Protein backbone atom coordinates (compact mmCIF):
# COMPACT_ATOMS: atom_id res chain seq x y z
CA MET A 1 153.31 100.77 132.96
CA ALA A 2 156.66 99.74 131.41
CA GLY A 3 155.60 100.88 127.89
CA VAL A 4 154.95 104.46 129.06
CA SER A 5 158.14 104.56 131.09
CA GLN A 6 160.19 103.52 128.09
CA LEU A 7 158.48 106.10 125.92
CA HIS A 8 159.08 108.70 128.59
CA ALA A 9 162.81 108.06 128.41
CA SER A 10 162.83 108.66 124.66
CA THR A 11 160.78 111.83 124.66
CA LEU A 12 162.17 113.74 127.59
CA ASP A 13 165.14 115.74 126.40
CA PRO A 14 167.86 115.33 129.08
CA SER A 15 169.76 118.30 127.75
CA ILE A 16 167.05 120.72 128.75
CA GLY A 17 165.16 118.64 131.33
CA ILE A 18 161.72 119.81 130.17
CA LYS A 19 158.86 117.32 129.89
CA PRO A 20 156.83 117.59 126.67
CA ASP A 21 153.53 119.44 126.72
CA ILE A 22 150.66 117.02 126.37
CA ARG A 23 148.62 119.75 124.69
CA ASP A 24 150.86 119.43 121.65
CA LEU A 25 149.61 115.93 120.93
CA ALA A 26 146.95 114.94 118.43
CA LEU A 27 144.43 112.14 119.21
CA ASP A 28 146.24 109.41 117.34
CA GLU A 29 149.48 110.20 119.11
CA LEU A 30 147.81 110.09 122.53
CA GLU A 31 146.02 106.83 121.65
CA SER A 32 149.36 105.27 120.89
CA ILE A 33 150.73 106.38 124.24
CA VAL A 34 147.64 105.12 126.06
CA ARG A 35 147.90 101.68 124.39
CA GLU A 36 151.56 101.39 125.26
CA ALA A 37 150.61 102.18 128.85
CA GLY A 38 148.30 99.13 128.83
CA GLU A 39 145.17 101.26 128.90
CA ARG A 40 142.24 101.13 126.51
CA ALA A 41 142.18 103.62 123.62
CA PHE A 42 139.13 105.48 124.92
CA ARG A 43 141.28 106.93 127.69
CA ALA A 44 142.83 109.22 125.06
CA ARG A 45 139.47 110.87 124.38
CA GLN A 46 138.94 111.26 128.13
CA ILE A 47 142.22 113.09 128.40
CA MET A 48 141.39 115.30 125.49
CA GLY A 49 138.02 116.14 127.08
CA TRP A 50 139.74 117.20 130.27
CA LEU A 51 142.31 119.36 128.38
CA TRP A 52 140.08 121.11 125.90
CA ASN A 53 136.52 121.01 127.29
CA ARG A 54 137.15 121.28 130.99
CA GLY A 55 140.37 123.16 130.91
CA ALA A 56 142.19 120.86 133.30
CA GLU A 57 145.49 122.27 134.51
CA SER A 58 146.73 119.15 136.31
CA PHE A 59 146.56 115.39 135.73
CA GLU A 60 145.37 115.05 139.32
CA ALA A 61 142.11 116.71 138.26
CA MET A 62 141.34 113.94 135.74
CA LEU A 63 139.43 111.88 138.33
CA ASP A 64 137.97 109.30 135.91
CA LEU A 65 141.48 108.08 134.99
CA PRO A 66 143.16 105.34 137.09
CA THR A 67 145.44 106.78 139.77
CA ALA A 68 148.50 104.96 138.56
CA PHE A 69 147.91 106.16 134.98
CA ARG A 70 147.56 109.78 136.18
CA GLU A 71 150.82 109.49 138.07
CA GLU A 72 152.60 108.08 135.01
CA LEU A 73 151.17 110.90 132.78
CA ASN A 74 152.42 113.45 135.33
CA HIS A 75 155.87 111.82 135.31
CA ARG A 76 156.04 111.91 131.52
CA PHE A 77 154.26 115.12 130.57
CA ARG A 78 153.35 118.64 131.70
CA ILE A 79 150.20 120.54 130.96
CA GLY A 80 151.69 123.79 129.76
CA SER A 81 150.01 126.90 131.08
CA ILE A 82 150.19 130.47 129.93
CA ALA A 83 150.10 133.18 132.57
CA SER A 84 148.58 136.63 131.95
CA ALA A 85 151.53 138.98 132.55
CA HIS A 86 149.34 142.01 131.91
CA VAL A 87 145.78 142.66 130.80
CA ALA A 88 144.80 146.03 129.41
CA ARG A 89 141.06 146.82 129.01
CA SER A 90 139.87 149.47 126.59
CA SER A 91 136.86 151.70 127.02
CA ASP A 92 135.27 149.92 124.00
CA GLY A 93 135.52 146.52 125.72
CA THR A 94 138.62 145.30 123.88
CA ARG A 95 141.10 143.46 126.10
CA LYS A 96 144.66 143.07 125.16
CA LEU A 97 146.52 140.25 126.85
CA LEU A 98 150.29 140.10 127.29
CA LEU A 99 150.93 136.39 127.95
CA ARG A 100 153.98 134.86 129.54
CA LEU A 101 155.18 131.57 128.05
CA GLY A 102 157.09 128.88 129.95
CA ASP A 103 160.49 130.15 128.85
CA GLY A 104 159.69 133.70 129.81
CA GLU A 105 158.91 134.85 126.24
CA ASP A 106 155.90 137.19 125.93
CA ILE A 107 153.24 137.25 123.25
CA GLU A 108 149.99 139.11 122.67
CA SER A 109 146.37 138.10 122.19
CA VAL A 110 143.37 140.40 121.84
CA ILE A 111 139.70 139.86 122.81
CA ILE A 112 137.58 141.98 120.48
CA PRO A 113 133.84 142.25 121.28
CA THR A 114 131.67 143.60 118.48
CA GLU A 115 127.92 143.44 117.93
CA GLY A 116 126.87 139.73 117.89
CA ARG A 117 130.34 138.20 118.22
CA THR A 118 133.51 138.09 120.33
CA THR A 119 136.65 137.53 118.35
CA LEU A 120 140.05 136.32 119.65
CA CYS A 121 143.12 137.48 117.80
CA ILE A 122 145.80 134.84 118.10
CA SER A 123 149.58 134.98 117.82
CA SER A 124 151.50 132.21 115.98
CA GLN A 125 155.04 133.33 116.64
CA ALA A 126 156.95 135.33 119.31
CA GLY A 127 157.90 138.31 117.14
CA CYS A 128 157.96 138.21 113.33
CA ALA A 129 160.47 138.03 110.54
CA MET A 130 158.37 139.63 107.81
CA GLY A 131 159.54 143.22 108.48
CA CYS A 132 156.35 145.08 107.58
CA GLY A 133 157.09 148.81 108.18
CA PHE A 134 153.65 149.60 109.65
CA CYS A 135 153.76 146.79 112.27
CA ALA A 136 155.16 147.24 115.80
CA THR A 137 155.82 143.48 116.06
CA ALA A 138 158.31 143.71 113.15
CA ARG A 139 160.61 145.74 115.31
CA MET A 140 161.02 142.73 117.61
CA GLY A 141 162.34 140.50 114.86
CA LEU A 142 161.55 136.79 115.18
CA HIS A 143 162.28 135.27 118.56
CA ARG A 144 160.86 131.82 117.88
CA ASN A 145 157.88 129.82 116.59
CA LEU A 146 155.11 128.93 118.95
CA ALA A 147 154.26 125.30 119.64
CA ALA A 148 150.69 124.12 119.02
CA GLY A 149 150.04 123.99 122.76
CA GLU A 150 151.21 127.60 123.11
CA ILE A 151 148.93 128.71 120.24
CA LEU A 152 145.96 126.99 121.77
CA GLY A 153 146.94 128.11 125.27
CA GLN A 154 145.92 131.61 124.19
CA LEU A 155 142.32 130.40 123.91
CA MET A 156 142.42 129.03 127.42
CA ALA A 157 144.00 132.22 128.75
CA ALA A 158 141.40 134.36 126.92
CA ARG A 159 138.53 132.40 128.46
CA ARG A 160 139.80 133.39 131.91
CA GLU A 161 139.41 137.03 130.94
CA LEU A 162 135.82 136.86 129.51
CA ASP A 163 133.02 138.71 131.14
CA PRO A 164 130.08 136.74 132.66
CA GLY A 165 127.99 135.30 129.84
CA GLU A 166 130.55 136.18 127.21
CA ILE A 167 131.83 133.47 124.89
CA LEU A 168 134.40 133.47 122.09
CA THR A 169 132.69 133.06 118.72
CA ASN A 170 135.38 133.80 116.13
CA TYR A 171 139.15 133.28 115.89
CA VAL A 172 141.63 135.19 113.72
CA PHE A 173 145.35 134.40 113.27
CA MET A 174 146.22 138.07 113.02
CA GLY A 175 148.39 138.55 116.09
CA MET A 176 152.17 138.40 116.37
CA GLY A 177 153.95 136.48 113.64
CA GLU A 178 153.22 135.14 110.14
CA PRO A 179 151.06 132.01 110.58
CA LEU A 180 152.10 130.32 107.38
CA ALA A 181 155.78 130.68 108.31
CA ASN A 182 155.04 128.34 111.26
CA TYR A 183 152.90 125.95 109.23
CA PRO A 184 153.62 122.55 110.88
CA ARG A 185 152.59 123.93 114.30
CA LEU A 186 149.70 125.95 112.81
CA HIS A 187 148.43 122.72 111.16
CA ARG A 188 148.55 120.88 114.46
CA ALA A 189 146.79 123.74 116.31
CA LEU A 190 144.03 123.96 113.65
CA THR A 191 143.59 120.19 113.80
CA ILE A 192 142.96 120.36 117.56
CA MET A 193 140.80 123.48 117.18
CA THR A 194 138.43 121.87 114.67
CA ALA A 195 138.39 118.19 115.75
CA ASP A 196 135.39 116.81 117.64
CA TRP A 197 137.86 115.37 120.21
CA GLY A 198 139.45 118.83 120.55
CA LEU A 199 137.80 122.19 120.72
CA GLY A 200 135.18 121.39 118.11
CA ILE A 201 135.26 124.88 116.49
CA SER A 202 133.81 125.24 113.03
CA PRO A 203 136.47 126.11 110.44
CA ARG A 204 134.17 128.81 109.08
CA ARG A 205 134.68 130.68 112.38
CA ILE A 206 138.45 130.70 111.89
CA THR A 207 140.43 133.12 109.66
CA VAL A 208 144.11 132.78 108.91
CA SER A 209 145.87 135.89 107.73
CA THR A 210 149.04 135.89 105.69
CA VAL A 211 151.21 138.68 104.28
CA GLY A 212 151.54 136.58 101.14
CA LEU A 213 153.51 133.31 101.53
CA VAL A 214 152.25 132.05 98.23
CA PRO A 215 153.38 128.37 98.36
CA SER A 216 151.60 127.81 101.72
CA MET A 217 148.23 129.37 100.93
CA ASP A 218 147.05 126.53 98.72
CA ARG A 219 148.39 124.01 101.24
CA LEU A 220 146.41 125.65 104.07
CA LEU A 221 143.11 125.64 102.19
CA ALA A 222 143.62 122.07 101.00
CA ASP A 223 144.06 121.01 104.64
CA PHE A 224 141.35 123.11 106.24
CA PRO A 225 138.22 124.96 104.96
CA VAL A 226 139.07 128.06 106.96
CA ASN A 227 138.78 131.65 105.80
CA LEU A 228 141.81 133.28 104.19
CA ALA A 229 142.81 136.87 104.69
CA VAL A 230 145.65 138.34 102.58
CA SER A 231 147.46 141.39 103.84
CA LEU A 232 147.80 143.50 100.67
CA HIS A 233 148.30 147.11 101.78
CA ALA A 234 149.53 148.47 98.41
CA THR A 235 148.59 148.64 94.73
CA THR A 236 152.10 148.99 93.25
CA ASP A 237 155.20 146.84 93.70
CA GLU A 238 157.27 149.97 94.53
CA VAL A 239 155.10 150.80 97.56
CA ARG A 240 154.61 147.21 98.65
CA ASN A 241 158.33 146.45 98.43
CA ARG A 242 158.85 149.31 100.90
CA ILE A 243 156.14 148.55 103.45
CA ALA A 244 155.89 144.71 103.07
CA PRO A 245 159.27 143.29 101.96
CA ILE A 246 157.75 139.88 101.27
CA ASN A 247 156.73 141.51 97.97
CA LEU A 248 160.32 141.18 96.84
CA ARG A 249 159.87 137.39 96.80
CA TYR A 250 156.20 137.32 95.69
CA PRO A 251 155.32 140.47 93.79
CA LEU A 252 151.72 141.63 93.52
CA ARG A 253 151.03 139.90 90.19
CA VAL A 254 152.37 136.62 91.52
CA LEU A 255 150.34 136.92 94.72
CA LEU A 256 147.05 137.91 92.97
CA ASP A 257 147.45 135.13 90.36
CA ALA A 258 147.95 132.63 93.18
CA CYS A 259 144.80 133.98 94.89
CA GLU A 260 142.79 133.63 91.73
CA ALA A 261 143.96 129.98 91.31
CA LEU A 262 142.86 128.94 94.76
CA PRO A 263 139.86 126.65 94.78
CA ILE A 264 138.27 128.79 97.43
CA ALA A 265 138.21 131.73 95.03
CA ARG A 266 135.40 130.11 93.04
CA ARG A 267 133.24 129.33 96.09
CA ARG A 268 133.87 132.01 98.75
CA ARG A 269 135.33 135.44 99.04
CA ILE A 270 138.94 135.97 99.88
CA THR A 271 139.45 138.92 102.27
CA PHE A 272 142.15 141.45 101.43
CA GLU A 273 143.36 143.60 104.24
CA TYR A 274 144.51 147.09 103.51
CA VAL A 275 145.94 149.34 106.20
CA MET A 276 145.31 152.95 105.29
CA LEU A 277 148.55 155.00 105.54
CA ALA A 278 148.31 158.74 104.93
CA GLY A 279 150.10 159.78 101.77
CA VAL A 280 151.42 156.31 101.13
CA ASN A 281 148.65 154.09 99.77
CA ASP A 282 145.42 156.04 100.16
CA SER A 283 145.17 158.09 96.95
CA ILE A 284 142.32 158.09 94.54
CA ASP A 285 144.59 156.35 92.01
CA ASP A 286 145.35 153.66 94.59
CA ALA A 287 141.63 153.05 95.08
CA ARG A 288 141.03 152.77 91.33
CA ARG A 289 143.98 150.42 90.89
CA LEU A 290 142.84 148.24 93.75
CA ALA A 291 139.31 147.96 92.30
CA LYS A 292 140.77 146.91 88.95
CA MET A 293 143.31 144.47 90.46
CA LEU A 294 140.63 142.64 92.48
CA ALA A 295 137.95 142.65 89.83
CA PRO A 296 138.65 139.07 88.66
CA LEU A 297 138.35 137.68 92.17
CA ARG A 298 135.48 137.14 94.57
CA ALA A 299 137.07 139.59 96.91
CA LYS A 300 136.20 141.45 100.07
CA VAL A 301 138.38 144.37 101.17
CA ASN A 302 138.88 145.35 104.80
CA LEU A 303 140.04 148.96 105.03
CA ILE A 304 141.88 149.27 108.34
CA PHE A 305 142.61 152.44 110.26
CA PHE A 306 146.27 152.43 111.09
CA ASN A 307 147.06 152.38 114.85
CA PRO A 308 150.14 154.57 115.31
CA PHE A 309 152.94 153.48 117.59
CA PRO A 310 155.95 155.33 118.94
CA GLU A 311 158.60 156.13 116.30
CA SER A 312 156.41 154.88 113.47
CA PRO A 313 157.12 156.66 110.16
CA PHE A 314 153.41 156.42 109.22
CA ALA A 315 150.26 158.26 110.10
CA PRO A 316 146.65 157.11 109.71
CA SER A 317 144.57 158.28 106.83
CA SER A 318 141.77 160.70 107.59
CA ARG A 319 138.20 159.54 107.97
CA GLU A 320 137.29 161.53 104.84
CA ARG A 321 140.04 159.80 102.79
CA VAL A 322 139.01 156.34 104.02
CA ASP A 323 135.37 156.97 103.22
CA GLY A 324 136.27 158.16 99.77
CA PHE A 325 138.51 155.15 99.18
CA GLN A 326 135.64 152.87 100.17
CA ALA A 327 133.21 154.65 97.81
CA ILE A 328 135.49 154.10 94.79
CA LEU A 329 135.77 150.37 95.64
CA HIS A 330 131.98 150.15 95.88
CA ARG A 331 131.65 151.75 92.49
CA GLY A 332 133.95 149.07 91.24
CA ASN A 333 131.48 146.40 92.53
CA LEU A 334 133.77 145.33 95.36
CA THR A 335 132.54 144.52 98.86
CA ALA A 336 134.53 146.90 101.06
CA THR A 337 134.16 147.39 104.77
CA ILE A 338 135.97 149.80 107.16
CA ARG A 339 137.43 148.15 110.24
CA GLU A 340 137.13 150.75 112.96
CA SER A 341 140.12 151.23 115.17
CA ARG A 342 139.70 149.33 118.44
CA GLY A 343 141.53 149.65 121.71
CA ARG A 344 143.57 152.74 120.80
CA ASP A 345 143.69 153.67 124.53
CA ILE A 346 145.48 150.38 125.47
CA ALA A 347 148.40 150.21 123.02
CA ALA A 348 146.34 148.22 120.47
CA ALA A 349 148.83 148.13 117.59
CA CYS A 350 150.16 144.63 117.21
CA GLY A 351 153.37 144.35 119.25
CA GLN A 352 152.91 147.71 120.91
CA LEU A 353 151.95 146.40 124.38
CA TYR A 354 154.88 144.01 124.24
CA ALA A 355 157.21 146.89 123.35
CA GLU A 356 155.90 149.08 126.12
CA ARG A 357 156.21 146.34 128.80
CA ASN A 358 159.65 145.18 127.60
CA ARG A 359 161.24 148.61 126.94
CA PRO A 360 164.68 148.76 128.48
CA ALA A 361 164.92 150.89 131.60
CA ALA A 362 166.44 154.31 131.07
CA ALA A 363 170.15 154.44 132.07
CA PRO A 364 170.66 156.22 135.46
CA ARG A 365 172.01 159.73 135.20
């Protein structure tokens, strides 16, 4: 086992004393480690099967591996686990998970059951640096990027909270953080999610949402045939500059031109997300502008009811206003759906549960 021991010395950071998480490894990396250990390459697939199909939480559980090899793996690596710090269940079946990472950082994931599917909303960062005014997570700022194992650990944690007979069918990167701002780790996580040696999830069941990091959108779709959702939320640069500051770097025209140039735009619809904010972006003129802006694209629009959170400067649009907005988009030959608000009784706004559970205690009087 000398090869593995030598590799162990080079990958364990003595300054922090933390063993690397084996769940961060891709198959070719694990095969290299297995070969250096003097084991045959097929052992790597056995390990992956234990990690992603059987949900093993210890090397001791991998009973078809030689004992000495298991001991060496345990010496070199850890199997990172994510604990559920708090689980809130809504009357509509939505479950919001506040998950505790190994360094004590908290993130959120959401299990969303709808007719015929159960969707998991996944976080890619602890906090977010994008500064969108309508998002509770933005108030945290960016704490750090998540590692691939931490991104995927949310799937394993969510599985523990499923009801009998319930299975996850769809996955959306719409939780805390901007996925494309953490692209190297997102790429690694998507590789493991979609590989036959990993979780074996069809890319068509995965949606990655972005507030509009233009250079990374084409890169993502060149690497993975996943679905793309673009958080638009405004029809003028003046309004989008105010509620989504990324627009100062990539104005609406730049963003929409980039979307139109994507290869996916000629084959499949791009989803545009639009949070309805009363008196801000929900006027008849906004609806008409949006229909005109998206006319050149194969576009689908998700109109989203805003989930208010404490001290938010925004209010949700009325049902009448959202219905009228949708009707104008339909008349413009756009596919437009209304995403009903889910889990409003469990602090469902992204980042709200984190904020409630991490609010500083009031000073004693």
